[in-house]
Amino acid sequence: MADLKKLIGRPKLAEGKRTKFINVRFTEVEYREIADLEKELGISKTDLIRMRMLSDAKKVVINSRELIRYIDSAGAEMGRIGNNINQLAKHANTLRLKSALNPEVITQFNFLFDEYIHVQQQFEVSLRKIIRAMGI
């Protein structure tokens, strides 16, 4: 039994060991805000405060679950719009083959399609801004 190695756990850190301690006091309201953020974001109070204090001022703490839900909803809506556009294009092609397609309908469709493309590009720009703000 004397031959068994002594279990010592994880190796000690050579660098990055947190040895300094800061004691901070909060009011009840402030503490509840921090506790609510902890639950909402899934980040410990310590990590939340560390991120707020040491991160760049431009970086924003974002509720990723809520953000993903909104992005998913917007993406699904864009998908439905794309599906509607495909249905309209198919119907227009059918009418064109029957020589029953009104040129005014083509003009209106092209205008709305250009507007859709513009909205989609703005959506992509907004997503890039959100990703940059998160610091990813």
Protein backbone atom coordinates (compact mmCIF):
# COMPACT_ATOMS: atom_id res chain seq x y z
CA MET A 1 0.00 0.00 0.00
CA ALA A 2 2.96 2.31 0.53
CA ASP A 3 3.64 2.08 -3.24
CA LEU A 4 0.44 3.93 -4.20
CA LYS A 5 0.93 7.47 -5.52
CA LYS A 6 -0.47 10.26 -3.43
CA LEU A 7 -3.39 11.92 -5.27
CA ILE A 8 -2.71 15.64 -5.43
CA GLY A 9 -5.39 16.97 -7.83
CA ARG A 10 -4.85 19.36 -10.68
CA PRO A 11 -1.36 20.81 -11.23
CA LYS A 12 -0.69 24.28 -9.84
CA LEU A 13 -0.84 27.17 -12.29
CA ALA A 14 2.48 28.72 -13.27
CA GLU A 15 0.86 31.88 -14.66
CA GLY A 16 -2.54 33.50 -14.39
CA LYS A 17 -3.16 32.49 -10.80
CA ARG A 18 -5.57 34.89 -9.12
CA THR A 19 -4.04 35.80 -5.79
CA LYS A 20 -5.39 39.31 -5.22
CA PHE A 21 -8.73 39.86 -3.49
CA ILE A 22 -11.06 42.87 -3.56
CA ASN A 23 -13.92 43.16 -1.10
CA VAL A 24 -16.93 45.06 -2.48
CA ARG A 25 -20.17 46.02 -0.78
CA PHE A 26 -23.47 46.52 -2.60
CA THR A 27 -26.88 47.80 -1.61
CA GLU A 28 -29.75 45.32 -1.67
CA VAL A 29 -30.98 46.73 -4.98
CA GLU A 30 -27.52 46.53 -6.58
CA TYR A 31 -27.00 43.00 -5.31
CA ARG A 32 -30.40 41.90 -6.67
CA GLU A 33 -29.46 43.38 -10.06
CA ILE A 34 -26.22 41.39 -10.08
CA ALA A 35 -27.99 38.22 -8.93
CA ASP A 36 -30.64 38.67 -11.65
CA LEU A 37 -27.93 39.14 -14.28
CA GLU A 38 -26.20 36.03 -12.98
CA LYS A 39 -29.36 33.97 -13.48
CA GLU A 40 -30.25 35.59 -16.78
CA LEU A 41 -26.81 35.28 -18.40
CA GLY A 42 -25.66 32.07 -16.73
CA ILE A 43 -22.42 33.71 -15.55
CA SER A 44 -21.17 33.70 -11.96
CA LYS A 45 -21.25 36.98 -10.04
CA THR A 46 -17.45 37.02 -9.89
CA ASP A 47 -17.06 36.52 -13.64
CA LEU A 48 -19.79 39.05 -14.36
CA ILE A 49 -18.10 41.74 -12.25
CA ARG A 50 -14.66 40.84 -13.66
CA MET A 51 -15.99 41.15 -17.23
CA ARG A 52 -17.64 44.48 -16.50
CA MET A 53 -14.53 45.92 -14.86
CA LEU A 54 -11.77 44.58 -17.10
CA SER A 55 -13.37 44.31 -20.53
CA ASP A 56 -13.27 47.06 -23.10
CA ALA A 57 -16.03 49.61 -22.65
CA LYS A 58 -17.23 48.81 -26.17
CA LYS A 59 -17.93 45.19 -25.33
CA VAL A 60 -21.42 44.56 -24.10
CA VAL A 61 -22.73 41.77 -21.91
CA ILE A 62 -25.59 40.29 -23.89
CA ASN A 63 -28.16 37.74 -22.87
CA SER A 64 -27.19 35.17 -25.48
CA ARG A 65 -30.30 33.01 -25.05
CA GLU A 66 -32.61 35.93 -25.70
CA LEU A 67 -30.45 37.17 -28.58
CA ILE A 68 -30.47 33.73 -30.21
CA ARG A 69 -34.25 33.55 -29.81
CA TYR A 70 -34.68 36.93 -31.56
CA ILE A 71 -32.21 36.09 -34.32
CA ASP A 72 -33.87 32.70 -34.83
CA SER A 73 -37.27 34.37 -35.06
CA ALA A 74 -36.00 36.96 -37.55
CA GLY A 75 -34.23 34.28 -39.60
CA ALA A 76 -37.38 32.16 -39.71
CA GLU A 77 -39.38 35.17 -40.87
CA MET A 78 -36.81 35.90 -43.59
CA GLY A 79 -37.10 32.25 -44.66
CA ARG A 80 -40.90 32.53 -44.89
CA ILE A 81 -40.54 35.69 -46.96
CA GLY A 82 -38.12 33.90 -49.30
CA ASN A 83 -40.60 31.04 -49.65
CA ASN A 84 -43.36 33.51 -50.55
CA ILE A 85 -41.10 35.12 -53.16
CA ASN A 86 -40.42 31.72 -54.73
CA GLN A 87 -44.16 30.98 -54.86
CA LEU A 88 -44.84 34.35 -56.49
CA ALA A 89 -42.05 33.80 -59.04
CA LYS A 90 -43.42 30.35 -59.91
CA HIS A 91 -46.92 31.78 -60.33
CA ALA A 92 -45.55 34.63 -62.48
CA ASN A 93 -43.73 32.12 -64.72
CA THR A 94 -46.94 30.13 -65.11
CA LEU A 95 -48.84 33.29 -66.10
CA ARG A 96 -46.04 34.32 -68.47
CA LEU A 97 -46.30 30.98 -70.30
CA LYS A 98 -50.04 31.60 -70.71
CA SER A 99 -49.33 35.18 -71.86
CA ALA A 100 -51.52 36.46 -69.01
CA LEU A 101 -48.86 38.28 -66.99
CA ASN A 102 -49.53 41.99 -66.48
CA PRO A 103 -46.38 44.16 -66.86
CA GLU A 104 -47.49 46.25 -63.88
CA VAL A 105 -47.34 43.13 -61.70
CA ILE A 106 -43.77 42.50 -62.86
CA THR A 107 -42.78 46.07 -61.99
CA GLN A 108 -44.36 45.85 -58.54
CA PHE A 109 -42.75 42.44 -57.90
CA ASN A 110 -39.30 43.74 -58.87
CA PHE A 111 -39.73 46.76 -56.59
CA LEU A 112 -40.74 44.58 -53.62
CA PHE A 113 -37.94 42.09 -54.34
CA ASP A 114 -35.36 44.91 -54.36
CA GLU A 115 -36.78 46.12 -51.04
CA TYR A 116 -36.51 42.59 -49.62
CA ILE A 117 -32.86 42.35 -50.69
CA HIS A 118 -32.16 45.72 -49.02
CA VAL A 119 -33.81 44.55 -45.76
CA GLN A 120 -31.82 41.30 -45.86
CA GLN A 121 -28.56 43.21 -46.31
CA GLN A 122 -29.43 45.51 -43.39
CA PHE A 123 -30.19 42.42 -41.29
CA GLU A 124 -26.76 40.98 -42.11
CA VAL A 125 -25.07 44.29 -41.22
CA SER A 126 -26.93 44.37 -37.90
CA LEU A 127 -25.85 40.81 -37.11
CA ARG A 128 -22.22 41.73 -37.78
CA LYS A 129 -22.53 44.73 -35.45
CA ILE A 130 -23.99 42.53 -32.70
CA ILE A 131 -21.18 40.01 -33.08
CA ARG A 132 -18.57 42.78 -32.89
CA ALA A 133 -20.25 44.27 -29.81
CA MET A 134 -20.10 40.87 -28.12
CA GLY A 135 -16.36 40.76 -28.77
CA ILE A 136 -16.43 37.43 -30.59
